[in-house]
């Protein structure tokens, strides 16, 4: 088995994603792999946190991209990987589609993301994580929430 060379952490900045971030960091350190932290801004996000709502005098796309980049940089420092590459994709497509495309064309051989971790059939992973797990061109680690 070849060691992982490029690990992609897909994040939505949730607590579940933070658990996944620490796991991705552990894997990247173990395999001495490149780590990319990736966030997708869907064109019509429905549930934006208040700090992601652009002021009236700002271009929404530019503002949201800058906010996401800052959060990614902060996350990289928090998980002890300030050297991690960061990537933000503003898209009219789903986060699932963009994560899969990045993995497919970005030379990714391990994808890490958080899941809901609920104990019911069909609730084990969210729709984004479920779609990624089913269609990823590489290994996927779906990190459950909680302890």
Protein backbone atom coordinates (compact mmCIF):
# COMPACT_ATOMS: atom_id res chain seq x y z
CA UNK A 1 0.00 0.00 0.00
CA UNK A 2 1.37 3.39 -0.97
CA UNK A 3 1.38 6.11 1.68
CA UNK A 4 -0.97 9.03 1.29
CA UNK A 5 0.71 12.00 -0.40
CA UNK A 6 -2.10 14.56 -0.61
CA UNK A 7 -4.89 14.76 1.97
CA UNK A 8 -7.91 16.97 1.36
CA UNK A 9 -9.86 18.20 4.37
CA UNK A 10 -13.30 19.43 3.34
CA UNK A 11 -14.75 21.75 5.97
CA UNK A 12 -17.92 23.68 6.63
CA UNK A 13 -16.45 25.17 9.84
CA UNK A 14 -18.81 23.17 12.07
CA UNK A 15 -17.80 21.37 15.26
CA UNK A 16 -17.98 18.10 13.32
CA UNK A 17 -15.59 19.51 10.75
CA UNK A 18 -13.19 20.48 13.52
CA UNK A 19 -13.05 16.85 14.67
CA UNK A 20 -12.24 15.86 11.08
CA UNK A 21 -9.58 18.58 10.88
CA UNK A 22 -7.66 17.12 13.79
CA UNK A 23 -7.89 13.64 12.26
CA UNK A 24 -6.68 14.94 8.89
CA UNK A 25 -3.75 16.61 10.66
CA UNK A 26 -2.81 13.35 12.36
CA UNK A 27 -2.89 11.51 9.05
CA UNK A 28 -0.89 14.20 7.24
CA UNK A 29 1.77 14.11 9.94
CA UNK A 30 1.90 10.31 9.99
CA UNK A 31 2.28 10.05 6.21
CA UNK A 32 4.24 13.30 5.81
CA UNK A 33 1.54 14.23 3.33
CA UNK A 34 0.55 17.55 1.85
CA UNK A 35 -2.64 18.89 3.48
CA UNK A 36 -5.17 21.07 1.71
CA UNK A 37 -8.08 22.57 3.63
CA UNK A 38 -11.04 23.21 1.32
CA UNK A 39 -14.30 25.11 1.75
CA UNK A 40 -17.12 25.46 -0.75
CA UNK A 41 -19.37 28.50 -0.75
CA UNK A 42 -22.56 27.48 -2.45
CA UNK A 43 -23.98 30.21 -4.67
CA UNK A 44 -27.20 30.47 -2.70
CA UNK A 45 -26.25 29.39 0.81
CA UNK A 46 -29.33 29.09 2.97
CA UNK A 47 -27.88 29.04 6.45
CA UNK A 48 -25.13 31.64 6.59
CA UNK A 49 -23.72 32.52 10.00
CA UNK A 50 -24.16 36.22 10.82
CA UNK A 51 -20.45 36.95 10.34
CA UNK A 52 -20.71 35.68 6.76
CA UNK A 53 -23.47 38.11 5.74
CA UNK A 54 -21.82 40.78 3.61
CA UNK A 55 -22.27 44.48 4.36
CA UNK A 56 -24.33 46.35 1.78
CA UNK A 57 -21.28 48.13 0.35
CA UNK A 58 -19.33 44.90 -0.33
CA UNK A 59 -19.48 42.53 -3.27
CA UNK A 60 -20.99 39.35 -1.76
CA UNK A 61 -18.75 36.93 -3.68
CA UNK A 62 -15.54 38.77 -2.74
CA UNK A 63 -16.64 39.25 0.87
CA UNK A 64 -17.65 35.61 1.37
CA UNK A 65 -14.44 34.36 -0.25
CA UNK A 66 -12.30 36.60 1.98
CA UNK A 67 -14.22 35.53 5.10
CA UNK A 68 -13.79 31.85 4.22
CA UNK A 69 -10.05 32.29 3.54
CA UNK A 70 -9.58 33.95 6.92
CA UNK A 71 -11.48 31.14 8.65
CA UNK A 72 -9.38 28.56 6.82
CA UNK A 73 -6.15 30.28 7.87
CA UNK A 74 -7.37 30.39 11.47
CA UNK A 75 -8.32 26.71 11.31
CA UNK A 76 -4.91 25.80 9.88
CA UNK A 77 -3.20 27.51 12.82
CA UNK A 78 -5.62 25.95 15.33
CA UNK A 79 -4.86 22.42 14.14
CA UNK A 80 -1.12 23.06 14.11
CA UNK A 81 -0.73 23.17 10.33
CA UNK A 82 -0.18 26.83 9.40
CA UNK A 83 1.64 25.49 6.32
CA UNK A 84 -1.51 23.79 5.01
CA UNK A 85 -2.71 24.89 1.62
CA UNK A 86 -6.11 26.53 1.63
CA UNK A 87 -8.68 26.58 -1.13
CA UNK A 88 -12.06 28.25 -1.43
CA UNK A 89 -14.49 27.53 -4.24
CA UNK A 90 -17.48 29.79 -4.87
CA UNK A 91 -19.92 27.68 -6.84
CA UNK A 92 -23.45 27.38 -8.10
CA UNK A 93 -23.06 23.63 -7.73
CA UNK A 94 -23.34 21.62 -4.54
CA UNK A 95 -20.52 21.30 -2.05
CA UNK A 96 -20.49 17.57 -2.77
CA UNK A 97 -19.87 18.15 -6.50
CA UNK A 98 -17.04 20.61 -5.84
CA UNK A 99 -15.35 18.39 -3.25
CA UNK A 100 -15.46 15.45 -5.65
CA UNK A 101 -14.09 17.57 -8.51
CA UNK A 102 -11.24 18.89 -6.35
CA UNK A 103 -10.38 15.35 -5.24
CA UNK A 104 -10.57 14.03 -8.80
CA UNK A 105 -8.38 16.69 -10.43
CA UNK A 106 -6.24 17.85 -7.50
CA UNK A 107 -4.14 14.72 -7.06
CA UNK A 108 -5.89 13.85 -3.79
CA UNK A 109 -5.50 10.31 -2.49
CA UNK A 110 -7.29 10.74 0.88
CA UNK A 111 -10.32 12.88 1.60
CA UNK A 112 -11.37 13.67 5.18
CA UNK A 113 -14.66 15.24 6.25
CA UNK A 114 -16.99 15.32 9.22
CA UNK A 115 -20.30 13.48 9.50
CA UNK A 116 -23.35 13.81 11.64
CA UNK A 117 -22.66 10.51 13.38
CA UNK A 118 -26.33 10.09 14.31
CA UNK A 119 -27.31 6.58 15.29
CA UNK A 120 -30.02 5.88 12.69
CA UNK A 121 -30.07 4.27 9.29
CA UNK A 122 -29.63 7.01 6.73
CA UNK A 123 -28.59 9.48 9.40
CA UNK A 124 -25.05 8.17 9.80
CA UNK A 125 -23.71 10.76 7.42
CA UNK A 126 -25.13 13.98 6.04
CA UNK A 127 -26.12 14.28 2.41
CA UNK A 128 -22.82 15.92 1.42
CA UNK A 129 -20.69 13.36 3.23
CA UNK A 130 -22.84 10.49 1.95
CA UNK A 131 -22.46 11.64 -1.66
CA UNK A 132 -18.72 12.12 -1.25
CA UNK A 133 -18.25 8.67 0.28
CA UNK A 134 -20.25 7.05 -2.52
CA UNK A 135 -18.53 8.80 -5.44
CA UNK A 136 -15.01 9.75 -4.34
CA UNK A 137 -12.13 8.77 -6.60
CA UNK A 138 -9.92 8.16 -3.56
CA UNK A 139 -10.05 6.85 -0.01
CA UNK A 140 -12.43 8.75 2.30
CA UNK A 141 -12.38 9.08 6.05
CA UNK A 142 -15.75 10.20 7.38
CA UNK A 143 -15.12 11.35 10.95
CA UNK A 144 -18.06 10.99 13.29
CA UNK A 145 -18.90 13.74 15.74
CA UNK A 146 -18.66 13.40 19.48
CA UNK A 147 -16.04 11.82 21.68
